[in-house]
Amino acid sequence: MDQPDPPQDGPGEPPEDLPRIDLSHPSPEQSGQQPGDAGELPADEHPEDPDVTATTLTRPPLSPAARVLLDRSRAGLLHAAAARTCSERYLAAHMAALRAAAAVLAVKGRPGSRGGPRSVWEVLPRIAPEMGEWASFFAATASRRAAVEAGRGDAITAREADDLLRDAEAFHHLVEASFGLPYQQVLPGALPTCN
């Protein structure tokens, strides 16, 4: 009986018993460079880095004050989520949104005006028009927040407190995104109930 011939390697294919070598990134010896030459980039630096875009290069740097305000906004959101009373949740959520808006002012500056002090919610649409609807929304809730702080006004329902907290978190994420910061989950999926 004739034995079948062993399979032959196809044209242009290396024999199976030879090790394969990755030629997509030549070693320094193959490229004629010595390790550490000035032309060699460190492993973590690539000239065609997809994370660096014209947009990220033109964003103003995030000041230390803005970072502190964003951290306080995040802490305020967590405090609101843990609040036991609906009034406390409502107040903490509104203050978290206020701190996020203040971070925008810290980065973009205040428009020149000769009036007295103005609300953050009045100034924000002038320097960040894309946040104008949020500014109107939170300005509308500010009077209710002031009434709750003073012990006046209607009681805050759990639904109102939870809705404001979720809106404050969404605004916080919008502010972070406007600074080019990555999304970071703040609130848990389910909020504990408030009374």
N, C-alpha and C. Protein backbone atom coordinates (compact mmCIF):
# COMPACT_ATOMS: atom_id res chain seq x y z
N MET A 1 0.83 -1.18 0.00
CA MET A 1 0.00 0.00 0.00
C MET A 1 0.86 1.23 0.00
N ASP A 2 0.34 2.15 -0.70
CA ASP A 2 1.04 3.43 -0.73
C ASP A 2 0.59 4.29 0.44
N GLN A 3 1.54 4.92 1.09
CA GLN A 3 1.20 5.84 2.18
C GLN A 3 0.96 7.22 1.59
N PRO A 4 -0.05 7.97 2.12
CA PRO A 4 -0.27 9.31 1.58
C PRO A 4 0.92 10.20 1.91
N ASP A 5 1.19 11.08 0.98
CA ASP A 5 2.28 12.04 1.19
C ASP A 5 1.90 13.03 2.30
N PRO A 6 2.88 13.44 3.10
CA PRO A 6 2.57 14.45 4.13
C PRO A 6 2.16 15.75 3.46
N PRO A 7 1.30 16.53 4.10
CA PRO A 7 0.86 17.78 3.48
C PRO A 7 2.05 18.69 3.23
N GLN A 8 2.02 19.29 2.09
CA GLN A 8 3.07 20.22 1.70
C GLN A 8 2.65 21.63 2.09
N ASP A 9 3.64 22.41 2.48
CA ASP A 9 3.36 23.82 2.77
C ASP A 9 3.03 24.51 1.46
N GLY A 10 2.07 25.42 1.54
CA GLY A 10 1.66 26.15 0.34
C GLY A 10 2.74 27.12 -0.08
N PRO A 11 2.61 27.66 -1.30
CA PRO A 11 3.62 28.62 -1.78
C PRO A 11 3.61 29.86 -0.90
N GLY A 12 4.77 30.31 -0.52
CA GLY A 12 4.91 31.52 0.25
C GLY A 12 4.67 31.34 1.75
N GLU A 13 4.31 30.13 2.18
CA GLU A 13 4.07 29.90 3.60
C GLU A 13 5.31 29.27 4.21
N PRO A 14 5.67 29.69 5.43
CA PRO A 14 6.83 29.08 6.07
C PRO A 14 6.50 27.67 6.50
N PRO A 15 7.49 26.83 6.55
CA PRO A 15 7.25 25.47 7.05
C PRO A 15 6.71 25.53 8.47
N GLU A 16 5.92 24.52 8.82
CA GLU A 16 5.26 24.53 10.13
C GLU A 16 6.23 24.43 11.29
N ASP A 17 7.39 23.87 11.09
CA ASP A 17 8.31 23.68 12.21
C ASP A 17 9.14 24.93 12.53
N LEU A 18 9.02 26.00 11.75
CA LEU A 18 9.76 27.22 12.03
C LEU A 18 8.92 28.16 12.90
N PRO A 19 9.55 28.87 13.82
CA PRO A 19 8.78 29.81 14.66
C PRO A 19 8.32 31.00 13.82
N ARG A 20 7.19 31.54 14.19
CA ARG A 20 6.66 32.73 13.50
C ARG A 20 7.21 33.97 14.19
N ILE A 21 7.51 34.97 13.40
CA ILE A 21 8.07 36.22 13.91
C ILE A 21 7.14 37.35 13.50
N ASP A 22 6.82 38.23 14.44
CA ASP A 22 5.97 39.38 14.17
C ASP A 22 6.82 40.47 13.54
N LEU A 23 6.55 40.79 12.30
CA LEU A 23 7.32 41.81 11.59
C LEU A 23 6.59 43.15 11.54
N SER A 24 5.43 43.24 12.16
CA SER A 24 4.67 44.49 12.10
C SER A 24 5.35 45.61 12.87
N HIS A 25 6.16 45.29 13.88
CA HIS A 25 6.91 46.27 14.65
C HIS A 25 8.36 45.82 14.67
N PRO A 26 9.20 46.34 13.76
CA PRO A 26 10.58 45.87 13.73
C PRO A 26 11.32 46.20 15.02
N SER A 27 12.18 45.31 15.39
CA SER A 27 12.98 45.53 16.59
C SER A 27 14.00 46.62 16.29
N PRO A 28 14.59 47.23 17.34
CA PRO A 28 15.60 48.28 17.09
C PRO A 28 16.76 47.79 16.23
N GLU A 29 17.13 46.50 16.38
CA GLU A 29 18.24 45.98 15.57
C GLU A 29 17.86 45.95 14.09
N GLN A 30 16.59 45.58 13.79
CA GLN A 30 16.15 45.51 12.40
C GLN A 30 16.03 46.90 11.78
N SER A 31 15.65 47.90 12.58
CA SER A 31 15.47 49.23 12.03
C SER A 31 16.76 50.02 12.00
N GLY A 32 17.84 49.47 12.56
CA GLY A 32 19.13 50.15 12.54
C GLY A 32 19.32 51.08 13.73
N GLN A 33 18.33 51.15 14.65
CA GLN A 33 18.46 52.02 15.81
C GLN A 33 18.88 51.20 17.01
N GLN A 34 19.50 51.88 17.92
CA GLN A 34 19.84 51.28 19.19
C GLN A 34 18.74 51.65 20.18
N PRO A 35 18.39 50.77 21.13
CA PRO A 35 17.39 51.14 22.13
C PRO A 35 17.80 52.41 22.84
N GLY A 36 16.85 53.34 23.00
CA GLY A 36 17.14 54.59 23.67
C GLY A 36 17.53 55.71 22.73
N ASP A 37 17.63 55.43 21.40
CA ASP A 37 17.94 56.50 20.45
C ASP A 37 16.88 57.58 20.54
N ALA A 38 17.24 58.81 20.15
CA ALA A 38 16.31 59.93 20.24
C ALA A 38 15.07 59.73 19.38
N GLY A 39 15.17 58.98 18.30
CA GLY A 39 14.02 58.81 17.42
C GLY A 39 13.02 57.79 17.92
N GLU A 40 13.35 57.07 18.94
CA GLU A 40 12.45 56.01 19.42
C GLU A 40 11.49 56.56 20.46
N LEU A 41 10.19 56.30 20.27
CA LEU A 41 9.17 56.76 21.21
C LEU A 41 9.01 55.74 22.33
N PRO A 42 8.75 56.21 23.54
CA PRO A 42 8.43 55.26 24.61
C PRO A 42 7.18 54.47 24.23
N ALA A 43 7.01 53.32 24.83
CA ALA A 43 5.91 52.42 24.47
C ALA A 43 4.54 53.06 24.66
N ASP A 44 4.42 54.02 25.60
CA ASP A 44 3.10 54.60 25.87
C ASP A 44 2.83 55.87 25.06
N GLU A 45 3.73 56.30 24.20
CA GLU A 45 3.52 57.50 23.40
C GLU A 45 3.46 57.11 21.93
N HIS A 46 2.33 57.42 21.32
CA HIS A 46 2.14 57.13 19.90
C HIS A 46 1.75 58.41 19.19
N PRO A 47 2.41 58.75 18.09
CA PRO A 47 2.10 60.00 17.41
C PRO A 47 0.66 60.05 16.91
N GLU A 48 0.06 58.92 16.59
CA GLU A 48 -1.31 58.92 16.10
C GLU A 48 -2.27 58.48 17.20
N ASP A 49 -2.14 59.08 18.38
CA ASP A 49 -2.97 58.74 19.53
C ASP A 49 -4.42 59.18 19.26
N PRO A 50 -5.38 58.24 19.25
CA PRO A 50 -6.76 58.61 18.93
C PRO A 50 -7.44 59.45 20.00
N ASP A 51 -6.89 59.51 21.22
CA ASP A 51 -7.51 60.28 22.28
C ASP A 51 -7.22 61.77 22.17
N VAL A 52 -6.22 62.14 21.41
CA VAL A 52 -5.87 63.54 21.25
C VAL A 52 -6.50 64.05 19.97
N THR A 53 -7.41 64.99 20.11
CA THR A 53 -8.08 65.58 18.96
C THR A 53 -7.93 67.08 19.03
N ALA A 54 -8.34 67.74 17.97
CA ALA A 54 -8.29 69.20 17.96
C ALA A 54 -9.16 69.77 19.06
N THR A 55 -10.27 69.10 19.35
CA THR A 55 -11.18 69.58 20.40
C THR A 55 -10.51 69.52 21.76
N THR A 56 -9.83 68.42 22.07
CA THR A 56 -9.21 68.31 23.38
C THR A 56 -8.03 69.26 23.51
N LEU A 57 -7.41 69.61 22.40
CA LEU A 57 -6.29 70.53 22.46
C LEU A 57 -6.72 71.97 22.65
N THR A 58 -7.97 72.31 22.26
CA THR A 58 -8.43 73.69 22.38
C THR A 58 -9.23 73.95 23.64
N ARG A 59 -9.54 72.93 24.42
CA ARG A 59 -10.28 73.14 25.67
C ARG A 59 -9.40 73.88 26.66
N PRO A 60 -10.01 74.81 27.43
CA PRO A 60 -9.20 75.46 28.45
C PRO A 60 -8.81 74.46 29.52
N PRO A 61 -7.66 74.64 30.15
CA PRO A 61 -7.25 73.70 31.19
C PRO A 61 -8.21 73.79 32.37
N LEU A 62 -8.38 72.68 33.05
CA LEU A 62 -9.26 72.62 34.20
C LEU A 62 -8.51 73.15 35.41
N SER A 63 -8.98 74.26 35.94
CA SER A 63 -8.31 74.91 37.07
C SER A 63 -8.49 74.09 38.35
N PRO A 64 -7.62 74.29 39.32
CA PRO A 64 -7.80 73.60 40.61
C PRO A 64 -9.14 73.96 41.25
N ALA A 65 -9.58 75.20 41.11
CA ALA A 65 -10.87 75.61 41.68
C ALA A 65 -12.01 74.83 41.03
N ALA A 66 -11.94 74.64 39.72
CA ALA A 66 -12.99 73.89 39.03
C ALA A 66 -12.99 72.43 39.48
N ARG A 67 -11.82 71.86 39.65
CA ARG A 67 -11.73 70.47 40.12
C ARG A 67 -12.35 70.33 41.52
N VAL A 68 -12.06 71.28 42.39
CA VAL A 68 -12.62 71.25 43.74
C VAL A 68 -14.14 71.36 43.67
N LEU A 69 -14.64 72.25 42.84
CA LEU A 69 -16.09 72.42 42.71
C LEU A 69 -16.75 71.16 42.15
N LEU A 70 -16.12 70.52 41.17
CA LEU A 70 -16.67 69.27 40.64
C LEU A 70 -16.64 68.16 41.69
N ASP A 71 -15.58 68.11 42.48
CA ASP A 71 -15.52 67.12 43.56
C ASP A 71 -16.62 67.37 44.59
N ARG A 72 -16.84 68.65 44.90
CA ARG A 72 -17.91 68.98 45.85
C ARG A 72 -19.29 68.68 45.26
N SER A 73 -19.43 68.88 43.97
CA SER A 73 -20.69 68.54 43.30
C SER A 73 -20.95 67.04 43.40
N ARG A 74 -19.92 66.26 43.12
CA ARG A 74 -20.04 64.79 43.22
C ARG A 74 -20.38 64.38 44.65
N ALA A 75 -19.70 64.97 45.62
CA ALA A 75 -19.98 64.65 47.03
C ALA A 75 -21.40 65.07 47.40
N GLY A 76 -21.86 66.19 46.86
CA GLY A 76 -23.22 66.63 47.12
C GLY A 76 -24.25 65.68 46.55
N LEU A 77 -23.97 65.12 45.38
CA LEU A 77 -24.88 64.14 44.78
C LEU A 77 -24.95 62.88 45.66
N LEU A 78 -23.80 62.45 46.15
CA LEU A 78 -23.78 61.27 47.03
C LEU A 78 -24.50 61.55 48.34
N HIS A 79 -24.30 62.76 48.87
CA HIS A 79 -25.00 63.15 50.10
C HIS A 79 -26.51 63.17 49.87
N ALA A 80 -26.92 63.70 48.74
CA ALA A 80 -28.35 63.75 48.41
C ALA A 80 -28.92 62.34 48.29
N ALA A 81 -28.18 61.45 47.67
CA ALA A 81 -28.66 60.07 47.51
C ALA A 81 -28.84 59.38 48.86
N ALA A 82 -28.00 59.73 49.83
CA ALA A 82 -28.06 59.10 51.14
C ALA A 82 -29.01 59.81 52.11
N ALA A 83 -29.55 60.95 51.67
CA ALA A 83 -30.42 61.75 52.56
C ALA A 83 -31.64 60.95 53.00
N ARG A 84 -32.03 61.15 54.23
CA ARG A 84 -33.20 60.44 54.77
C ARG A 84 -34.49 61.20 54.52
N THR A 85 -34.42 62.53 54.51
CA THR A 85 -35.64 63.30 54.26
C THR A 85 -35.65 63.81 52.83
N CYS A 86 -36.82 63.97 52.30
CA CYS A 86 -36.96 64.45 50.91
C CYS A 86 -36.48 65.90 50.79
N SER A 87 -36.72 66.69 51.81
CA SER A 87 -36.26 68.08 51.78
C SER A 87 -34.74 68.14 51.73
N GLU A 88 -34.08 67.30 52.54
CA GLU A 88 -32.62 67.26 52.55
C GLU A 88 -32.08 66.81 51.20
N ARG A 89 -32.73 65.82 50.59
CA ARG A 89 -32.31 65.34 49.27
C ARG A 89 -32.44 66.46 48.23
N TYR A 90 -33.56 67.17 48.27
CA TYR A 90 -33.82 68.25 47.32
C TYR A 90 -32.76 69.34 47.46
N LEU A 91 -32.50 69.76 48.70
CA LEU A 91 -31.51 70.81 48.95
C LEU A 91 -30.11 70.38 48.49
N ALA A 92 -29.71 69.18 48.85
CA ALA A 92 -28.36 68.70 48.50
C ALA A 92 -28.21 68.55 46.98
N ALA A 93 -29.26 68.09 46.31
CA ALA A 93 -29.20 67.94 44.86
C ALA A 93 -29.07 69.30 44.18
N HIS A 94 -29.82 70.28 44.67
CA HIS A 94 -29.74 71.61 44.08
C HIS A 94 -28.36 72.22 44.30
N MET A 95 -27.81 72.04 45.49
CA MET A 95 -26.47 72.56 45.77
C MET A 95 -25.40 71.87 44.92
N ALA A 96 -25.58 70.59 44.64
CA ALA A 96 -24.63 69.87 43.79
C ALA A 96 -24.65 70.46 42.37
N ALA A 97 -25.85 70.75 41.87
CA ALA A 97 -25.96 71.37 40.54
C ALA A 97 -25.33 72.76 40.56
N LEU A 98 -25.56 73.50 41.63
CA LEU A 98 -24.99 74.85 41.75
C LEU A 98 -23.46 74.80 41.71
N ARG A 99 -22.88 73.82 42.37
CA ARG A 99 -21.41 73.69 42.37
C ARG A 99 -20.88 73.29 41.00
N ALA A 100 -21.62 72.46 40.28
CA ALA A 100 -21.20 72.10 38.92
C ALA A 100 -21.24 73.33 38.02
N ALA A 101 -22.27 74.15 38.16
CA ALA A 101 -22.36 75.38 37.37
C ALA A 101 -21.23 76.34 37.74
N ALA A 102 -20.90 76.42 39.03
CA ALA A 102 -19.80 77.28 39.47
C ALA A 102 -18.47 76.81 38.87
N ALA A 103 -18.32 75.50 38.66
CA ALA A 103 -17.10 74.98 38.02
C ALA A 103 -16.98 75.51 36.59
N VAL A 104 -18.11 75.61 35.90
CA VAL A 104 -18.09 76.17 34.53
C VAL A 104 -17.62 77.62 34.59
N LEU A 105 -18.15 78.39 35.54
CA LEU A 105 -17.73 79.79 35.68
C LEU A 105 -16.24 79.88 36.02
N ALA A 106 -15.76 78.96 36.84
CA ALA A 106 -14.34 78.97 37.21
C ALA A 106 -13.44 78.74 36.01
N VAL A 107 -13.89 77.95 35.04
CA VAL A 107 -13.08 77.65 33.86
C VAL A 107 -13.25 78.72 32.79
N LYS A 108 -14.48 79.08 32.52
CA LYS A 108 -14.74 80.00 31.40
C LYS A 108 -14.72 81.47 31.79
N GLY A 109 -14.73 81.75 33.07
CA GLY A 109 -14.69 83.13 33.53
C GLY A 109 -16.07 83.75 33.56
N ARG A 110 -16.13 84.93 34.12
CA ARG A 110 -17.39 85.65 34.22
C ARG A 110 -17.42 86.73 33.15
N PRO A 111 -18.60 86.94 32.55
CA PRO A 111 -18.68 88.02 31.57
C PRO A 111 -18.58 89.37 32.29
N GLY A 112 -17.96 90.32 31.64
CA GLY A 112 -17.82 91.64 32.24
C GLY A 112 -19.17 92.34 32.33
N SER A 113 -19.56 92.69 33.54
CA SER A 113 -20.79 93.46 33.72
C SER A 113 -20.62 94.33 34.96
N ARG A 114 -21.34 95.42 34.98
CA ARG A 114 -21.17 96.37 36.07
C ARG A 114 -22.29 96.29 37.10
N GLY A 115 -23.07 95.29 37.08
CA GLY A 115 -24.15 95.18 38.05
C GLY A 115 -23.66 94.59 39.36
N GLY A 116 -24.57 94.42 40.27
CA GLY A 116 -24.25 93.80 41.54
C GLY A 116 -24.10 92.30 41.36
N PRO A 117 -24.06 91.59 42.44
CA PRO A 117 -23.93 90.13 42.35
C PRO A 117 -25.11 89.53 41.58
N ARG A 118 -24.81 88.52 40.81
CA ARG A 118 -25.84 87.84 40.02
C ARG A 118 -25.82 86.36 40.37
N SER A 119 -26.94 85.74 40.15
CA SER A 119 -27.06 84.31 40.36
C SER A 119 -26.22 83.57 39.32
N VAL A 120 -25.66 82.45 39.74
CA VAL A 120 -24.93 81.59 38.80
C VAL A 120 -25.83 81.24 37.63
N TRP A 121 -27.11 81.03 37.91
CA TRP A 121 -28.04 80.62 36.87
C TRP A 121 -28.32 81.75 35.88
N GLU A 122 -28.10 83.01 36.27
CA GLU A 122 -28.22 84.13 35.33
C GLU A 122 -26.96 84.27 34.48
N VAL A 123 -25.82 83.99 35.06
CA VAL A 123 -24.54 84.18 34.36
C VAL A 123 -24.23 83.01 33.43
N LEU A 124 -24.59 81.81 33.82
CA LEU A 124 -24.22 80.61 33.07
C LEU A 124 -24.62 80.68 31.58
N PRO A 125 -25.85 81.07 31.22
CA PRO A 125 -26.19 81.09 29.79
C PRO A 125 -25.38 82.09 28.97
N ARG A 126 -24.84 83.10 29.63
CA ARG A 126 -24.02 84.08 28.90
C ARG A 126 -22.66 83.52 28.51
N ILE A 127 -22.10 82.70 29.37
CA ILE A 127 -20.76 82.17 29.06
C ILE A 127 -20.80 80.76 28.49
N ALA A 128 -21.91 80.07 28.68
CA ALA A 128 -22.07 78.70 28.14
C ALA A 128 -23.51 78.58 27.62
N PRO A 129 -23.80 79.16 26.46
CA PRO A 129 -25.17 79.15 25.93
C PRO A 129 -25.76 77.75 25.79
N GLU A 130 -24.91 76.76 25.58
CA GLU A 130 -25.40 75.39 25.44
C GLU A 130 -26.01 74.86 26.73
N MET A 131 -25.78 75.54 27.84
CA MET A 131 -26.33 75.14 29.13
C MET A 131 -27.48 76.03 29.57
N GLY A 132 -27.99 76.82 28.66
CA GLY A 132 -29.05 77.78 28.97
C GLY A 132 -30.32 77.14 29.51
N GLU A 133 -30.75 76.03 28.92
CA GLU A 133 -31.97 75.37 29.40
C GLU A 133 -31.79 74.83 30.81
N TRP A 134 -30.62 74.28 31.08
CA TRP A 134 -30.34 73.79 32.43
C TRP A 134 -30.36 74.96 33.42
N ALA A 135 -29.77 76.08 33.02
CA ALA A 135 -29.75 77.26 33.90
C ALA A 135 -31.18 77.72 34.20
N SER A 136 -32.03 77.74 33.21
CA SER A 136 -33.43 78.14 33.42
C SER A 136 -34.13 77.16 34.36
N PHE A 137 -33.89 75.88 34.16
CA PHE A 137 -34.52 74.87 35.00
C PHE A 137 -34.10 75.03 36.45
N PHE A 138 -32.79 75.12 36.70
CA PHE A 138 -32.33 75.21 38.08
C PHE A 138 -32.65 76.57 38.71
N ALA A 139 -32.73 77.62 37.90
CA ALA A 139 -33.17 78.92 38.42
C ALA A 139 -34.61 78.83 38.92
N ALA A 140 -35.43 78.08 38.19
CA ALA A 140 -36.84 77.91 38.60
C ALA A 140 -36.95 77.12 39.90
N THR A 141 -36.03 76.20 40.14
CA THR A 141 -36.09 75.41 41.38
C THR A 141 -35.41 76.12 42.55
N ALA A 142 -34.67 77.20 42.27
CA ALA A 142 -33.93 77.89 43.33
C ALA A 142 -34.85 78.54 44.35
N SER A 143 -35.97 79.10 43.89
CA SER A 143 -36.88 79.75 44.84
C SER A 143 -37.51 78.70 45.77
N ARG A 144 -37.79 77.54 45.23
CA ARG A 144 -38.35 76.47 46.06
C ARG A 144 -37.30 76.00 47.07
N ARG A 145 -36.06 75.90 46.63
CA ARG A 145 -34.98 75.52 47.54
C ARG A 145 -34.85 76.53 48.67
N ALA A 146 -34.92 77.83 48.34
CA ALA A 146 -34.81 78.87 49.36
C ALA A 146 -35.97 78.79 50.36
N ALA A 147 -37.16 78.49 49.86
CA ALA A 147 -38.31 78.37 50.75
C ALA A 147 -38.15 77.17 51.69
N VAL A 148 -37.64 76.07 51.17
CA VAL A 148 -37.42 74.88 52.01
C VAL A 148 -36.36 75.17 53.06
N GLU A 149 -35.30 75.87 52.66
CA GLU A 149 -34.24 76.21 53.62
C GLU A 149 -34.76 77.09 54.75
N ALA A 150 -35.70 77.97 54.41
CA ALA A 150 -36.26 78.89 55.39
C ALA A 150 -37.39 78.26 56.20
N GLY A 151 -37.76 77.03 55.87
CA GLY A 151 -38.83 76.36 56.59
C GLY A 151 -40.21 76.76 56.11
N ARG A 152 -40.27 77.40 54.97
CA ARG A 152 -41.55 77.81 54.39
C ARG A 152 -41.85 76.93 53.19
N GLY A 153 -43.02 77.04 52.70
CA GLY A 153 -43.38 76.37 51.46
C GLY A 153 -43.90 74.97 51.68
N ASP A 154 -44.33 74.38 50.58
CA ASP A 154 -44.90 73.03 50.61
C ASP A 154 -43.81 72.00 50.91
N ALA A 155 -44.26 70.88 51.40
CA ALA A 155 -43.34 69.77 51.63
C ALA A 155 -42.88 69.21 50.29
N ILE A 156 -41.67 68.76 50.24
CA ILE A 156 -41.11 68.16 49.04
C ILE A 156 -41.49 66.68 49.02
N THR A 157 -42.02 66.22 47.90
CA THR A 157 -42.37 64.81 47.79
C THR A 157 -41.14 64.00 47.41
N ALA A 158 -41.23 62.70 47.63
CA ALA A 158 -40.12 61.81 47.25
C ALA A 158 -39.86 61.89 45.75
N ARG A 159 -40.91 61.97 44.97
CA ARG A 159 -40.76 62.05 43.51
C ARG A 159 -40.02 63.32 43.10
N GLU A 160 -40.37 64.46 43.70
CA GLU A 160 -39.70 65.73 43.38
C GLU A 160 -38.23 65.68 43.77
N ALA A 161 -37.95 65.13 44.93
CA ALA A 161 -36.56 65.05 45.39
C ALA A 161 -35.74 64.13 44.49
N ASP A 162 -36.29 62.98 44.14
CA ASP A 162 -35.58 62.03 43.28
C ASP A 162 -35.37 62.60 41.88
N ASP A 163 -36.40 63.26 41.35
CA ASP A 163 -36.28 63.86 40.01
C ASP A 163 -35.20 64.93 39.99
N LEU A 164 -35.18 65.79 41.01
CA LEU A 164 -34.17 66.84 41.04
C LEU A 164 -32.77 66.23 41.18
N LEU A 165 -32.66 65.18 41.96
CA LEU A 165 -31.36 64.52 42.12
C LEU A 165 -30.88 63.94 40.78
N ARG A 166 -31.74 63.28 40.06
CA ARG A 166 -31.35 62.73 38.75
C ARG A 166 -31.01 63.85 37.76
N ASP A 167 -31.76 64.94 37.81
CA ASP A 167 -31.46 66.08 36.93
C ASP A 167 -30.12 66.71 37.30
N ALA A 168 -29.84 66.81 38.59
CA ALA A 168 -28.55 67.37 39.03
C ALA A 168 -27.40 66.48 38.59
N GLU A 169 -27.61 65.16 38.65
CA GLU A 169 -26.56 64.24 38.19
C GLU A 169 -26.35 64.38 36.69
N ALA A 170 -27.42 64.48 35.92
CA ALA A 170 -27.29 64.65 34.46
C ALA A 170 -26.55 65.95 34.14
N PHE A 171 -26.85 67.01 34.86
CA PHE A 171 -26.16 68.28 34.65
C PHE A 171 -24.68 68.15 35.03
N HIS A 172 -24.40 67.48 36.12
CA HIS A 172 -23.01 67.25 36.54
C HIS A 172 -22.23 66.54 35.43
N HIS A 173 -22.84 65.52 34.83
CA HIS A 173 -22.17 64.79 33.74
C HIS A 173 -21.98 65.67 32.51
N LEU A 174 -22.95 66.53 32.23
CA LEU A 174 -22.82 67.45 31.10
C LEU A 174 -21.63 68.39 31.32
N VAL A 175 -21.49 68.89 32.52
CA VAL A 175 -20.37 69.78 32.84
C VAL A 175 -19.05 69.03 32.70
N GLU A 176 -18.98 67.82 33.24
CA GLU A 176 -17.75 67.03 33.10
C GLU A 176 -17.41 66.80 31.62
N ALA A 177 -18.42 66.46 30.83
CA ALA A 177 -18.19 66.23 29.40
C ALA A 177 -17.72 67.49 28.70
N SER A 178 -18.24 68.65 29.11
CA SER A 178 -17.82 69.90 28.48
C SER A 178 -16.35 70.20 28.77
N PHE A 179 -15.83 69.63 29.85
CA PHE A 179 -14.41 69.79 30.18
C PHE A 179 -13.56 68.68 29.57
N GLY A 180 -14.18 67.75 28.87
CA GLY A 180 -13.44 66.64 28.27
C GLY A 180 -13.12 65.54 29.26
N LEU A 181 -13.80 65.51 30.38
CA LEU A 181 -13.55 64.47 31.38
C LEU A 181 -14.37 63.22 31.06
N PRO A 182 -13.88 62.06 31.39
CA PRO A 182 -14.63 60.84 31.09
C PRO A 182 -15.85 60.70 32.00
N TYR A 183 -16.82 59.96 31.51
CA TYR A 183 -18.03 59.70 32.29
C TYR A 183 -17.70 58.81 33.47
N GLN A 184 -18.19 59.20 34.65
CA GLN A 184 -18.02 58.38 35.85
C GLN A 184 -19.36 58.31 36.56
N GLN A 185 -19.86 57.12 36.73
CA GLN A 185 -21.13 56.93 37.41
C GLN A 185 -21.04 57.51 38.82
N VAL A 186 -22.06 58.27 39.23
CA VAL A 186 -22.06 58.86 40.57
C VAL A 186 -23.07 58.15 41.45
N LEU A 187 -24.32 58.12 41.00
CA LEU A 187 -25.39 57.58 41.83
C LEU A 187 -25.56 56.10 41.64
N PRO A 188 -26.04 55.42 42.68
CA PRO A 188 -26.35 53.99 42.52
C PRO A 188 -27.57 53.83 41.60
N GLY A 189 -27.76 52.63 41.08
CA GLY A 189 -28.89 52.38 40.18
C GLY A 189 -30.22 52.63 40.83
N ALA A 190 -30.38 52.25 42.08
CA ALA A 190 -31.63 52.47 42.81
C ALA A 190 -31.34 53.36 44.02
N LEU A 191 -32.17 54.39 44.16
CA LEU A 191 -32.00 55.31 45.28
C LEU A 191 -32.77 54.81 46.50
N PRO A 192 -32.20 54.96 47.69
CA PRO A 192 -32.97 54.63 48.88
C PRO A 192 -34.13 55.62 49.00
N THR A 193 -35.22 55.20 49.58
CA THR A 193 -36.37 56.09 49.71
C THR A 193 -36.11 57.15 50.78
N CYS A 194 -36.72 58.30 50.54
CA CYS A 194 -36.64 59.38 51.52
C CYS A 194 -38.04 59.63 52.06
N ASN A 195 -38.10 60.26 53.23
CA ASN A 195 -39.40 60.53 53.87
C ASN A 195 -39.69 62.01 53.84
